[in-house]
Amino acid sequence: MRIIGLTGGIATGKSTVARILERHGIPVADADQMACQALAVGSPIRERVLQRYGQAIRAPSGELDRRQLGQIIFADAAERAWLEAQIHPFVKARLREFLQSHGASAPQGVQHPQKDGSPTVCLMIPLLFEAHMENWVSEIWVVTCTPEQQRQRLAQRDPLLTPAEIEARLASQWPLEEKARCAHVVLDNSGSLAELEAQVQQALASQKPLASPQQAG
């Protein structure tokens, strides 16, 4: 089983790479979507979050006001760690279910060449390194772009974010350069979509032995 761990910085293009992989018939599990499920209306995790931060983070629709919550957790590392401690077990359980449904288990930490034609799945985990989940996958792909592009894309994706809020989100993750040093594959998303697709195709076709993440780069 070839298990791709897809990660990178915020707004570098992980979802774009995931869509390309899906077009190649590769199943993708999205940890961000699972984190949203953890905070859905009626979930016990959501109730704990409301108890901790109060009704100020409840939107009129009944959903959590993610911007209000973001202002809390991205300004305070301890609060961010508390929230992640609530959400990560839920996400890991869903990722395990995904892998089991495709005939794999986790964590497995396979670091050897994959046989040509072996099944491939992808775990898209933005906090793969931060959550110490490297041993869940057989290879790590990091999507990068320039810092300026990150900021521009994040501002376009969420126009309500202030420059200070954007910087806080960038600062909450490992630096892109450090993630790239720990990757088996680095995908440069600073160019065109066609260029990115070509890099993904090349990475999928590669069957060379993989170095451990600590030695990659």
N, C-alpha and C. Protein backbone atom coordinates (compact mmCIF):
# COMPACT_ATOMS: atom_id res chain seq x y z
N MET A 1 0.84 -1.20 0.00
CA MET A 1 0.00 0.00 0.00
C MET A 1 0.88 1.25 0.00
N ARG A 2 0.62 2.12 -0.94
CA ARG A 2 1.33 3.40 -1.00
C ARG A 2 0.43 4.45 -0.35
N ILE A 3 0.88 5.02 0.76
CA ILE A 3 0.10 6.02 1.48
C ILE A 3 0.83 7.36 1.39
N ILE A 4 0.26 8.28 0.61
CA ILE A 4 0.84 9.61 0.45
C ILE A 4 0.34 10.51 1.58
N GLY A 5 1.25 11.12 2.28
CA GLY A 5 0.89 12.14 3.27
C GLY A 5 1.05 13.50 2.62
N LEU A 6 -0.08 14.14 2.30
CA LEU A 6 -0.06 15.41 1.59
C LEU A 6 -0.18 16.55 2.59
N THR A 7 0.81 17.44 2.60
CA THR A 7 0.80 18.54 3.54
C THR A 7 1.46 19.75 2.91
N GLY A 8 1.69 20.78 3.70
CA GLY A 8 2.27 22.02 3.20
C GLY A 8 1.87 23.15 4.11
N GLY A 9 2.04 24.37 3.65
CA GLY A 9 1.62 25.52 4.44
C GLY A 9 0.18 25.90 4.13
N ILE A 10 -0.35 26.80 4.91
CA ILE A 10 -1.71 27.28 4.68
C ILE A 10 -1.75 28.01 3.33
N ALA A 11 -2.76 27.69 2.53
CA ALA A 11 -3.00 28.35 1.23
C ALA A 11 -1.88 28.11 0.21
N THR A 12 -1.17 26.99 0.33
CA THR A 12 -0.14 26.69 -0.68
C THR A 12 -0.70 25.90 -1.85
N GLY A 13 -1.87 25.28 -1.70
CA GLY A 13 -2.46 24.54 -2.80
C GLY A 13 -2.63 23.05 -2.56
N LYS A 14 -2.74 22.66 -1.30
CA LYS A 14 -2.92 21.23 -0.98
C LYS A 14 -4.21 20.68 -1.60
N SER A 15 -5.28 21.44 -1.50
CA SER A 15 -6.56 20.97 -2.04
C SER A 15 -6.50 20.82 -3.56
N THR A 16 -5.73 21.67 -4.22
CA THR A 16 -5.57 21.56 -5.67
C THR A 16 -4.87 20.26 -6.02
N VAL A 17 -3.81 19.94 -5.27
CA VAL A 17 -3.11 18.68 -5.50
C VAL A 17 -4.04 17.51 -5.21
N ALA A 18 -4.84 17.60 -4.16
CA ALA A 18 -5.78 16.52 -3.84
C ALA A 18 -6.75 16.27 -4.98
N ARG A 19 -7.23 17.34 -5.60
CA ARG A 19 -8.16 17.18 -6.73
C ARG A 19 -7.47 16.51 -7.92
N ILE A 20 -6.21 16.85 -8.13
CA ILE A 20 -5.46 16.20 -9.21
C ILE A 20 -5.32 14.70 -8.92
N LEU A 21 -5.00 14.36 -7.67
CA LEU A 21 -4.87 12.95 -7.30
C LEU A 21 -6.20 12.21 -7.49
N GLU A 22 -7.28 12.85 -7.12
CA GLU A 22 -8.59 12.21 -7.28
C GLU A 22 -8.91 11.96 -8.76
N ARG A 23 -8.48 12.90 -9.62
CA ARG A 23 -8.69 12.68 -11.05
C ARG A 23 -7.90 11.48 -11.57
N HIS A 24 -6.82 11.15 -10.84
CA HIS A 24 -6.03 9.96 -11.18
C HIS A 24 -6.59 8.71 -10.50
N GLY A 25 -7.74 8.84 -9.87
CA GLY A 25 -8.38 7.69 -9.24
C GLY A 25 -7.86 7.34 -7.86
N ILE A 26 -7.15 8.27 -7.23
CA ILE A 26 -6.57 8.02 -5.90
C ILE A 26 -7.52 8.55 -4.82
N PRO A 27 -7.98 7.71 -3.91
CA PRO A 27 -8.84 8.19 -2.82
C PRO A 27 -8.07 9.13 -1.90
N VAL A 28 -8.73 10.21 -1.49
CA VAL A 28 -8.11 11.21 -0.62
C VAL A 28 -8.96 11.39 0.64
N ALA A 29 -8.34 11.33 1.79
CA ALA A 29 -8.98 11.65 3.07
C ALA A 29 -8.53 13.04 3.49
N ASP A 30 -9.47 13.93 3.75
CA ASP A 30 -9.19 15.33 4.07
C ASP A 30 -9.33 15.55 5.57
N ALA A 31 -8.21 15.73 6.27
CA ALA A 31 -8.25 15.91 7.71
C ALA A 31 -8.97 17.20 8.10
N ASP A 32 -8.90 18.23 7.26
CA ASP A 32 -9.61 19.47 7.56
C ASP A 32 -11.12 19.25 7.57
N GLN A 33 -11.63 18.50 6.61
CA GLN A 33 -13.06 18.19 6.59
C GLN A 33 -13.46 17.40 7.82
N MET A 34 -12.61 16.49 8.24
CA MET A 34 -12.89 15.71 9.44
C MET A 34 -12.89 16.59 10.68
N ALA A 35 -11.99 17.58 10.72
CA ALA A 35 -11.97 18.52 11.84
C ALA A 35 -13.26 19.33 11.90
N CYS A 36 -13.79 19.69 10.73
CA CYS A 36 -15.08 20.40 10.69
C CYS A 36 -16.20 19.51 11.22
N GLN A 37 -16.16 18.22 10.87
CA GLN A 37 -17.15 17.29 11.39
C GLN A 37 -17.08 17.19 12.91
N ALA A 38 -15.87 17.28 13.45
CA ALA A 38 -15.70 17.20 14.90
C ALA A 38 -16.40 18.34 15.61
N LEU A 39 -16.56 19.48 14.91
CA LEU A 39 -17.18 20.66 15.52
C LEU A 39 -18.60 20.89 15.03
N ALA A 40 -19.18 19.88 14.40
CA ALA A 40 -20.54 20.03 13.86
C ALA A 40 -21.57 20.14 14.99
N VAL A 41 -22.71 20.72 14.66
CA VAL A 41 -23.79 20.87 15.64
C VAL A 41 -24.14 19.50 16.22
N GLY A 42 -24.20 19.45 17.55
CA GLY A 42 -24.56 18.22 18.23
C GLY A 42 -23.39 17.38 18.68
N SER A 43 -22.18 17.71 18.23
CA SER A 43 -21.04 16.89 18.63
C SER A 43 -20.59 17.26 20.04
N PRO A 44 -20.13 16.29 20.83
CA PRO A 44 -19.65 16.59 22.18
C PRO A 44 -18.43 17.51 22.18
N ILE A 45 -17.61 17.43 21.15
CA ILE A 45 -16.44 18.31 21.07
C ILE A 45 -16.90 19.76 20.94
N ARG A 46 -17.88 20.01 20.09
CA ARG A 46 -18.42 21.36 19.93
C ARG A 46 -18.96 21.89 21.26
N GLU A 47 -19.62 21.05 22.01
CA GLU A 47 -20.17 21.49 23.30
C GLU A 47 -19.05 21.85 24.26
N ARG A 48 -17.97 21.10 24.27
CA ARG A 48 -16.84 21.45 25.13
C ARG A 48 -16.22 22.78 24.72
N VAL A 49 -16.15 23.01 23.41
CA VAL A 49 -15.60 24.27 22.91
C VAL A 49 -16.49 25.44 23.35
N LEU A 50 -17.80 25.28 23.24
CA LEU A 50 -18.72 26.34 23.67
C LEU A 50 -18.63 26.58 25.17
N GLN A 51 -18.47 25.52 25.94
CA GLN A 51 -18.33 25.67 27.38
C GLN A 51 -17.07 26.45 27.74
N ARG A 52 -16.02 26.25 26.96
CA ARG A 52 -14.74 26.92 27.27
C ARG A 52 -14.75 28.38 26.84
N TYR A 53 -15.33 28.67 25.67
CA TYR A 53 -15.22 30.01 25.11
C TYR A 53 -16.50 30.82 25.14
N GLY A 54 -17.61 30.19 25.49
CA GLY A 54 -18.85 30.94 25.63
C GLY A 54 -19.62 31.09 24.35
N GLN A 55 -20.80 31.67 24.48
CA GLN A 55 -21.72 31.80 23.35
C GLN A 55 -21.26 32.84 22.33
N ALA A 56 -20.23 33.61 22.65
CA ALA A 56 -19.73 34.62 21.72
C ALA A 56 -19.21 33.98 20.43
N ILE A 57 -18.84 32.70 20.49
CA ILE A 57 -18.31 32.06 19.29
C ILE A 57 -19.41 31.27 18.56
N ARG A 58 -20.66 31.42 18.99
CA ARG A 58 -21.77 30.76 18.29
C ARG A 58 -22.34 31.75 17.27
N ALA A 59 -22.38 31.35 16.01
CA ALA A 59 -22.95 32.19 14.95
C ALA A 59 -24.48 32.15 15.03
N PRO A 60 -25.17 33.14 14.43
CA PRO A 60 -26.64 33.15 14.45
C PRO A 60 -27.25 31.87 13.88
N SER A 61 -26.54 31.22 12.97
CA SER A 61 -27.05 29.98 12.36
C SER A 61 -26.99 28.80 13.31
N GLY A 62 -26.28 28.98 14.44
CA GLY A 62 -26.07 27.88 15.36
C GLY A 62 -24.72 27.21 15.19
N GLU A 63 -24.08 27.45 14.04
CA GLU A 63 -22.73 26.93 13.82
C GLU A 63 -21.74 27.74 14.65
N LEU A 64 -20.53 27.19 14.79
CA LEU A 64 -19.48 27.95 15.45
C LEU A 64 -19.02 29.08 14.54
N ASP A 65 -18.77 30.24 15.12
CA ASP A 65 -18.21 31.37 14.39
C ASP A 65 -16.70 31.13 14.29
N ARG A 66 -16.28 30.62 13.16
CA ARG A 66 -14.88 30.18 13.03
C ARG A 66 -13.90 31.35 13.06
N ARG A 67 -14.35 32.52 12.63
CA ARG A 67 -13.44 33.65 12.72
C ARG A 67 -13.22 34.04 14.17
N GLN A 68 -14.30 34.07 14.96
CA GLN A 68 -14.15 34.39 16.38
C GLN A 68 -13.27 33.35 17.08
N LEU A 69 -13.51 32.09 16.76
CA LEU A 69 -12.69 31.03 17.35
C LEU A 69 -11.24 31.18 16.91
N GLY A 70 -11.03 31.51 15.63
CA GLY A 70 -9.68 31.70 15.14
C GLY A 70 -8.94 32.83 15.83
N GLN A 71 -9.67 33.90 16.14
CA GLN A 71 -9.04 35.01 16.83
C GLN A 71 -8.53 34.60 18.20
N ILE A 72 -9.20 33.63 18.81
CA ILE A 72 -8.77 33.14 20.13
C ILE A 72 -7.56 32.23 19.99
N ILE A 73 -7.68 31.22 19.14
CA ILE A 73 -6.65 30.17 19.15
C ILE A 73 -5.37 30.58 18.42
N PHE A 74 -5.47 31.48 17.44
CA PHE A 74 -4.26 31.89 16.75
C PHE A 74 -3.51 33.00 17.49
N ALA A 75 -4.15 33.53 18.53
CA ALA A 75 -3.49 34.54 19.37
C ALA A 75 -2.88 33.92 20.63
N ASP A 76 -3.17 32.65 20.88
CA ASP A 76 -2.74 32.03 22.14
C ASP A 76 -2.38 30.57 21.85
N ALA A 77 -1.10 30.25 21.90
CA ALA A 77 -0.65 28.90 21.57
C ALA A 77 -1.23 27.86 22.53
N ALA A 78 -1.42 28.23 23.79
CA ALA A 78 -1.98 27.28 24.75
C ALA A 78 -3.42 26.93 24.40
N GLU A 79 -4.19 27.94 23.99
CA GLU A 79 -5.58 27.66 23.60
C GLU A 79 -5.64 26.85 22.31
N ARG A 80 -4.72 27.12 21.39
CA ARG A 80 -4.68 26.33 20.16
C ARG A 80 -4.35 24.87 20.48
N ALA A 81 -3.43 24.66 21.41
CA ALA A 81 -3.07 23.29 21.80
C ALA A 81 -4.26 22.59 22.47
N TRP A 82 -5.03 23.34 23.28
CA TRP A 82 -6.21 22.73 23.91
C TRP A 82 -7.21 22.29 22.86
N LEU A 83 -7.48 23.17 21.89
CA LEU A 83 -8.46 22.83 20.86
C LEU A 83 -7.99 21.63 20.03
N GLU A 84 -6.72 21.62 19.68
CA GLU A 84 -6.20 20.51 18.90
C GLU A 84 -6.29 19.20 19.67
N ALA A 85 -6.11 19.27 21.00
CA ALA A 85 -6.22 18.07 21.83
C ALA A 85 -7.65 17.52 21.82
N GLN A 86 -8.63 18.38 21.60
CA GLN A 86 -10.01 17.92 21.49
C GLN A 86 -10.28 17.30 20.12
N ILE A 87 -9.75 17.92 19.07
CA ILE A 87 -10.10 17.54 17.71
C ILE A 87 -9.26 16.40 17.16
N HIS A 88 -7.97 16.37 17.48
CA HIS A 88 -7.07 15.41 16.85
C HIS A 88 -7.46 13.95 17.07
N PRO A 89 -7.89 13.54 18.27
CA PRO A 89 -8.30 12.13 18.42
C PRO A 89 -9.46 11.75 17.49
N PHE A 90 -10.42 12.67 17.32
CA PHE A 90 -11.54 12.42 16.41
C PHE A 90 -11.03 12.25 14.98
N VAL A 91 -10.16 13.16 14.55
CA VAL A 91 -9.64 13.11 13.18
C VAL A 91 -8.83 11.84 12.96
N LYS A 92 -8.00 11.48 13.93
CA LYS A 92 -7.19 10.27 13.77
C LYS A 92 -8.07 9.02 13.67
N ALA A 93 -9.16 9.00 14.42
CA ALA A 93 -10.07 7.86 14.35
C ALA A 93 -10.69 7.76 12.96
N ARG A 94 -11.08 8.91 12.39
CA ARG A 94 -11.66 8.89 11.04
C ARG A 94 -10.62 8.49 10.00
N LEU A 95 -9.38 8.94 10.16
CA LEU A 95 -8.32 8.57 9.23
C LEU A 95 -8.05 7.07 9.30
N ARG A 96 -8.07 6.51 10.51
CA ARG A 96 -7.90 5.07 10.65
C ARG A 96 -9.00 4.32 9.90
N GLU A 97 -10.24 4.79 10.05
CA GLU A 97 -11.36 4.15 9.36
C GLU A 97 -11.16 4.20 7.84
N PHE A 98 -10.68 5.35 7.35
CA PHE A 98 -10.42 5.50 5.92
C PHE A 98 -9.38 4.49 5.46
N LEU A 99 -8.27 4.40 6.19
CA LEU A 99 -7.21 3.48 5.80
C LEU A 99 -7.69 2.04 5.86
N GLN A 100 -8.42 1.69 6.92
CA GLN A 100 -8.92 0.32 7.05
C GLN A 100 -9.86 -0.03 5.91
N SER A 101 -10.65 0.95 5.47
CA SER A 101 -11.59 0.70 4.38
C SER A 101 -10.87 0.45 3.05
N HIS A 102 -9.59 0.85 3.00
CA HIS A 102 -8.80 0.63 1.78
C HIS A 102 -7.72 -0.43 2.00
N GLY A 103 -7.84 -1.18 3.08
CA GLY A 103 -6.95 -2.31 3.29
C GLY A 103 -5.62 -1.98 3.91
N ALA A 104 -5.52 -0.83 4.59
CA ALA A 104 -4.28 -0.45 5.24
C ALA A 104 -4.54 -0.22 6.72
N SER A 105 -3.48 -0.02 7.48
CA SER A 105 -3.61 0.28 8.89
C SER A 105 -2.72 1.46 9.23
N ALA A 106 -2.94 2.05 10.40
CA ALA A 106 -2.13 3.19 10.81
C ALA A 106 -2.01 3.20 12.32
N PRO A 107 -0.90 3.75 12.84
CA PRO A 107 0.25 4.18 12.04
C PRO A 107 1.05 2.97 11.54
N GLN A 108 1.74 3.16 10.41
CA GLN A 108 2.50 2.04 9.87
C GLN A 108 3.94 2.41 9.57
N GLY A 109 4.19 3.64 9.11
CA GLY A 109 5.57 4.06 8.92
C GLY A 109 6.36 3.26 7.91
N VAL A 110 5.75 2.90 6.79
CA VAL A 110 6.47 2.14 5.77
C VAL A 110 7.43 3.07 5.03
N GLN A 111 8.70 2.72 4.98
CA GLN A 111 9.69 3.55 4.29
C GLN A 111 10.49 2.67 3.33
N HIS A 112 9.84 2.08 2.35
CA HIS A 112 10.53 1.26 1.36
C HIS A 112 9.87 1.48 0.01
N PRO A 113 10.53 1.08 -1.07
CA PRO A 113 9.93 1.31 -2.39
C PRO A 113 8.59 0.58 -2.50
N GLN A 114 7.64 1.22 -3.16
CA GLN A 114 6.35 0.60 -3.38
C GLN A 114 6.37 -0.16 -4.70
N LYS A 115 5.76 -1.34 -4.71
CA LYS A 115 5.71 -2.12 -5.94
C LYS A 115 4.83 -1.43 -6.97
N ASP A 116 5.26 -1.51 -8.22
CA ASP A 116 4.49 -0.91 -9.30
C ASP A 116 3.09 -1.52 -9.33
N GLY A 117 2.07 -0.65 -9.36
CA GLY A 117 0.70 -1.13 -9.40
C GLY A 117 0.07 -1.35 -8.04
N SER A 118 0.83 -1.15 -6.95
CA SER A 118 0.25 -1.32 -5.62
C SER A 118 -0.77 -0.22 -5.37
N PRO A 119 -1.80 -0.49 -4.55
CA PRO A 119 -2.83 0.52 -4.30
C PRO A 119 -2.23 1.79 -3.68
N THR A 120 -2.81 2.92 -4.03
CA THR A 120 -2.35 4.21 -3.52
C THR A 120 -3.53 4.96 -2.93
N VAL A 121 -3.33 5.53 -1.75
CA VAL A 121 -4.31 6.43 -1.14
C VAL A 121 -3.56 7.65 -0.64
N CYS A 122 -4.30 8.69 -0.31
CA CYS A 122 -3.69 9.94 0.16
C CYS A 122 -4.38 10.41 1.42
N LEU A 123 -3.58 10.78 2.41
CA LEU A 123 -4.06 11.45 3.60
C LEU A 123 -3.63 12.92 3.51
N MET A 124 -4.58 13.82 3.35
CA MET A 124 -4.26 15.25 3.30
C MET A 124 -4.36 15.80 4.71
N ILE A 125 -3.19 16.06 5.32
CA ILE A 125 -3.11 16.44 6.73
C ILE A 125 -2.29 17.73 6.83
N PRO A 126 -2.93 18.89 6.92
CA PRO A 126 -2.18 20.14 6.99
C PRO A 126 -1.17 20.18 8.14
N LEU A 127 -1.52 19.57 9.27
CA LEU A 127 -0.63 19.59 10.44
C LEU A 127 0.09 18.25 10.61
N LEU A 128 0.45 17.61 9.52
CA LEU A 128 1.08 16.29 9.59
C LEU A 128 2.33 16.33 10.48
N PHE A 129 3.21 17.30 10.26
CA PHE A 129 4.42 17.40 11.06
C PHE A 129 4.11 17.88 12.47
N GLU A 130 3.28 18.91 12.57
CA GLU A 130 2.97 19.49 13.88
C GLU A 130 2.30 18.48 14.80
N ALA A 131 1.50 17.57 14.20
CA ALA A 131 0.81 16.54 14.98
C ALA A 131 1.61 15.24 15.09
N HIS A 132 2.85 15.24 14.56
CA HIS A 132 3.76 14.09 14.65
C HIS A 132 3.12 12.83 14.05
N MET A 133 2.59 12.97 12.84
CA MET A 133 1.92 11.85 12.17
C MET A 133 2.72 11.33 10.99
N GLU A 134 4.01 11.58 10.98
CA GLU A 134 4.83 11.13 9.85
C GLU A 134 4.78 9.61 9.68
N ASN A 135 4.65 8.87 10.79
CA ASN A 135 4.67 7.41 10.69
C ASN A 135 3.35 6.82 10.22
N TRP A 136 2.38 7.67 9.90
CA TRP A 136 1.12 7.19 9.34
C TRP A 136 1.22 6.94 7.84
N VAL A 137 2.26 7.44 7.20
CA VAL A 137 2.31 7.44 5.74
C VAL A 137 3.60 6.81 5.25
N SER A 138 3.61 6.41 3.97
CA SER A 138 4.81 5.82 3.40
C SER A 138 5.67 6.84 2.67
N GLU A 139 5.09 8.00 2.35
CA GLU A 139 5.86 9.08 1.76
C GLU A 139 5.14 10.41 2.03
N ILE A 140 5.93 11.45 2.13
CA ILE A 140 5.39 12.78 2.47
C ILE A 140 5.59 13.73 1.31
N TRP A 141 4.48 14.32 0.85
CA TRP A 141 4.52 15.33 -0.20
C TRP A 141 4.21 16.68 0.44
N VAL A 142 5.06 17.66 0.18
CA VAL A 142 4.86 19.01 0.70
C VAL A 142 4.62 19.97 -0.47
N VAL A 143 3.52 20.69 -0.40
CA VAL A 143 3.17 21.68 -1.43
C VAL A 143 3.67 23.04 -0.96
N THR A 144 4.43 23.71 -1.81
CA THR A 144 5.00 25.01 -1.45
C THR A 144 4.62 26.07 -2.48
N CYS A 145 4.80 27.31 -2.07
CA CYS A 145 4.72 28.45 -2.98
C CYS A 145 5.49 29.57 -2.30
N THR A 146 5.50 30.76 -2.85
CA THR A 146 6.23 31.85 -2.21
C THR A 146 5.41 32.39 -1.04
N PRO A 147 6.06 32.99 -0.04
CA PRO A 147 5.32 33.60 1.07
C PRO A 147 4.32 34.64 0.60
N GLU A 148 4.69 35.40 -0.43
CA GLU A 148 3.77 36.42 -0.95
C GLU A 148 2.52 35.78 -1.52
N GLN A 149 2.70 34.66 -2.24
CA GLN A 149 1.53 33.95 -2.78
C GLN A 149 0.66 33.39 -1.67
N GLN A 150 1.30 32.87 -0.62
CA GLN A 150 0.51 32.38 0.51
C GLN A 150 -0.41 33.46 1.05
N ARG A 151 0.17 34.63 1.28
CA ARG A 151 -0.62 35.73 1.85
C ARG A 151 -1.74 36.16 0.90
N GLN A 152 -1.41 36.27 -0.38
CA GLN A 152 -2.41 36.69 -1.36
C GLN A 152 -3.55 35.68 -1.47
N ARG A 153 -3.20 34.40 -1.51
CA ARG A 153 -4.22 33.36 -1.65
C ARG A 153 -5.10 33.27 -0.40
N LEU A 154 -4.48 33.43 0.76
CA LEU A 154 -5.26 33.38 1.99
C LEU A 154 -6.21 34.56 2.08
N ALA A 155 -5.74 35.75 1.66
CA ALA A 155 -6.59 36.93 1.67
C ALA A 155 -7.74 36.79 0.68
N GLN A 156 -7.48 36.18 -0.47
CA GLN A 156 -8.54 35.96 -1.46
C GLN A 156 -9.55 34.93 -0.96
N ARG A 157 -9.06 33.91 -0.27
CA ARG A 157 -9.93 32.85 0.24
C ARG A 157 -10.82 33.35 1.37
N ASP A 158 -10.28 34.23 2.20
CA ASP A 158 -11.04 34.76 3.34
C ASP A 158 -10.80 36.26 3.43
N PRO A 159 -11.58 37.05 2.68
CA PRO A 159 -11.36 38.50 2.62
C PRO A 159 -11.55 39.21 3.95
N LEU A 160 -12.20 38.57 4.92
CA LEU A 160 -12.42 39.22 6.22
C LEU A 160 -11.18 39.22 7.10
N LEU A 161 -10.20 38.40 6.76
CA LEU A 161 -8.99 38.33 7.59
C LEU A 161 -8.18 39.62 7.47
N THR A 162 -7.73 40.10 8.60
CA THR A 162 -6.84 41.26 8.62
C THR A 162 -5.42 40.79 8.35
N PRO A 163 -4.52 41.71 7.96
CA PRO A 163 -3.12 41.30 7.80
C PRO A 163 -2.53 40.65 9.04
N ALA A 164 -2.91 41.15 10.22
CA ALA A 164 -2.40 40.56 11.46
C ALA A 164 -2.91 39.13 11.64
N GLU A 165 -4.18 38.89 11.27
CA GLU A 165 -4.74 37.54 11.39
C GLU A 165 -4.08 36.58 10.41
N ILE A 166 -3.76 37.08 9.24
CA ILE A 166 -3.05 36.25 8.26
C ILE A 166 -1.68 35.85 8.80
N GLU A 167 -0.96 36.82 9.35
CA GLU A 167 0.37 36.52 9.89
C GLU A 167 0.29 35.54 11.05
N ALA A 168 -0.74 35.65 11.88
CA ALA A 168 -0.90 34.73 13.01
C ALA A 168 -1.12 33.31 12.53
N ARG A 169 -1.88 33.15 11.46
CA ARG A 169 -2.12 31.81 10.91
C ARG A 169 -0.85 31.23 10.30
N LEU A 170 -0.09 32.05 9.61
CA LEU A 170 1.17 31.57 9.04
C LEU A 170 2.14 31.16 10.15
N ALA A 171 2.17 31.94 11.22
CA ALA A 171 3.12 31.69 12.31
C ALA A 171 2.75 30.45 13.13
N SER A 172 1.50 30.00 13.01
CA SER A 172 1.04 28.86 13.82
C SER A 172 1.54 27.52 13.27
N GLN A 173 2.07 27.53 12.05
CA GLN A 173 2.54 26.29 11.43
C GLN A 173 4.06 26.29 11.29
N TRP A 174 4.60 25.10 11.08
CA TRP A 174 6.02 25.01 10.78
C TRP A 174 6.34 25.86 9.56
N PRO A 175 7.53 26.47 9.50
CA PRO A 175 7.93 27.18 8.28
C PRO A 175 7.97 26.23 7.08
N LEU A 176 7.57 26.75 5.92
CA LEU A 176 7.54 25.92 4.71
C LEU A 176 8.91 25.30 4.41
N GLU A 177 9.97 26.08 4.63
CA GLU A 177 11.30 25.57 4.32
C GLU A 177 11.62 24.33 5.15
N GLU A 178 11.18 24.34 6.40
CA GLU A 178 11.44 23.19 7.27
C GLU A 178 10.62 21.98 6.83
N LYS A 179 9.36 22.21 6.45
CA LYS A 179 8.55 21.11 5.95
C LYS A 179 9.16 20.52 4.68
N ALA A 180 9.62 21.39 3.80
CA ALA A 180 10.20 20.91 2.54
C ALA A 180 11.44 20.06 2.80
N ARG A 181 12.24 20.42 3.80
CA ARG A 181 13.43 19.64 4.12
C ARG A 181 13.08 18.23 4.61
N CYS A 182 11.89 18.09 5.17
CA CYS A 182 11.46 16.81 5.74
C CYS A 182 10.58 16.01 4.79
N ALA A 183 10.53 16.42 3.52
CA ALA A 183 9.63 15.79 2.55
C ALA A 183 10.36 14.80 1.66
N HIS A 184 9.63 13.81 1.17
CA HIS A 184 10.14 12.96 0.10
C HIS A 184 9.94 13.63 -1.25
N VAL A 185 8.82 14.36 -1.39
CA VAL A 185 8.48 15.04 -2.63
C VAL A 185 8.09 16.47 -2.29
N VAL A 186 8.66 17.44 -3.01
CA VAL A 186 8.28 18.84 -2.86
C VAL A 186 7.63 19.29 -4.16
N LEU A 187 6.40 19.78 -4.05
CA LEU A 187 5.65 20.27 -5.21
C LEU A 187 5.61 21.79 -5.16
N ASP A 188 6.19 22.41 -6.17
CA ASP A 188 6.26 23.87 -6.23
C ASP A 188 5.01 24.41 -6.93
N ASN A 189 4.13 25.03 -6.14
CA ASN A 189 2.88 25.57 -6.68
C ASN A 189 2.95 27.08 -6.86
N SER A 190 4.10 27.56 -7.25
CA SER A 190 4.24 28.99 -7.50
C SER A 190 4.01 29.35 -8.96
N GLY A 191 3.80 28.31 -9.79
CA GLY A 191 3.60 28.54 -11.21
C GLY A 191 2.18 28.23 -11.65
N SER A 192 2.05 27.66 -12.83
CA SER A 192 0.73 27.40 -13.41
C SER A 192 0.18 26.06 -12.93
N LEU A 193 -1.12 25.88 -13.15
CA LEU A 193 -1.76 24.61 -12.81
C LEU A 193 -1.17 23.48 -13.63
N ALA A 194 -0.88 23.73 -14.89
CA ALA A 194 -0.29 22.70 -15.74
C ALA A 194 1.07 22.25 -15.20
N GLU A 195 1.85 23.20 -14.72
CA GLU A 195 3.15 22.86 -14.14
C GLU A 195 2.99 22.02 -12.88
N LEU A 196 2.00 22.36 -12.07
CA LEU A 196 1.74 21.58 -10.86
C LEU A 196 1.29 20.16 -11.21
N GLU A 197 0.39 20.05 -12.18
CA GLU A 197 -0.09 18.73 -12.60
C GLU A 197 1.07 17.87 -13.11
N ALA A 198 1.99 18.47 -13.82
CA ALA A 198 3.14 17.70 -14.33
C ALA A 198 4.00 17.18 -13.18
N GLN A 199 4.17 17.99 -12.14
CA GLN A 199 4.94 17.55 -10.98
C GLN A 199 4.25 16.40 -10.26
N VAL A 200 2.92 16.48 -10.13
CA VAL A 200 2.18 15.41 -9.48
C VAL A 200 2.31 14.12 -10.28
N GLN A 201 2.17 14.20 -11.58
CA GLN A 201 2.28 13.01 -12.43
C GLN A 201 3.66 12.38 -12.30
N GLN A 202 4.69 13.23 -12.27
CA GLN A 202 6.05 12.73 -12.13
C GLN A 202 6.24 12.03 -10.78
N ALA A 203 5.69 12.62 -9.71
CA ALA A 203 5.82 12.03 -8.38
C ALA A 203 5.08 10.70 -8.30
N LEU A 204 3.91 10.63 -8.93
CA LEU A 204 3.15 9.38 -8.92
C LEU A 204 3.89 8.28 -9.68
N ALA A 205 4.57 8.65 -10.74
CA ALA A 205 5.26 7.66 -11.57
C ALA A 205 6.54 7.16 -10.93
N SER A 206 7.07 7.92 -9.97
CA SER A 206 8.36 7.57 -9.37
C SER A 206 8.21 6.31 -8.52
N GLN A 207 9.10 5.36 -8.71
CA GLN A 207 9.14 4.15 -7.90
C GLN A 207 10.49 4.00 -7.21
N LYS A 208 11.26 5.07 -7.13
CA LYS A 208 12.59 4.97 -6.54
C LYS A 208 12.47 4.79 -5.02
N PRO A 209 13.49 4.22 -4.39
CA PRO A 209 13.49 4.08 -2.94
C PRO A 209 13.37 5.45 -2.26
N LEU A 210 12.65 5.46 -1.17
CA LEU A 210 12.42 6.71 -0.45
C LEU A 210 13.33 6.80 0.77
N ALA A 211 13.96 7.97 0.93
CA ALA A 211 14.70 8.21 2.16
C ALA A 211 13.70 8.44 3.28
N SER A 212 14.17 8.30 4.52
CA SER A 212 13.30 8.63 5.65
C SER A 212 13.06 10.13 5.63
N PRO A 213 11.95 10.62 6.20
CA PRO A 213 11.67 12.05 6.17
C PRO A 213 12.81 12.88 6.77
N GLN A 214 13.49 12.35 7.81
CA GLN A 214 14.56 13.12 8.43
C GLN A 214 15.76 13.30 7.52
N GLN A 215 15.90 12.38 6.54
CA GLN A 215 17.05 12.45 5.63
C GLN A 215 16.68 13.05 4.28
N ALA A 216 15.37 13.22 4.04
CA ALA A 216 14.95 13.69 2.73
C ALA A 216 15.35 15.13 2.53
N GLY A 217 15.42 15.54 1.26
CA GLY A 217 15.67 16.93 0.96
C GLY A 217 16.99 17.14 0.32
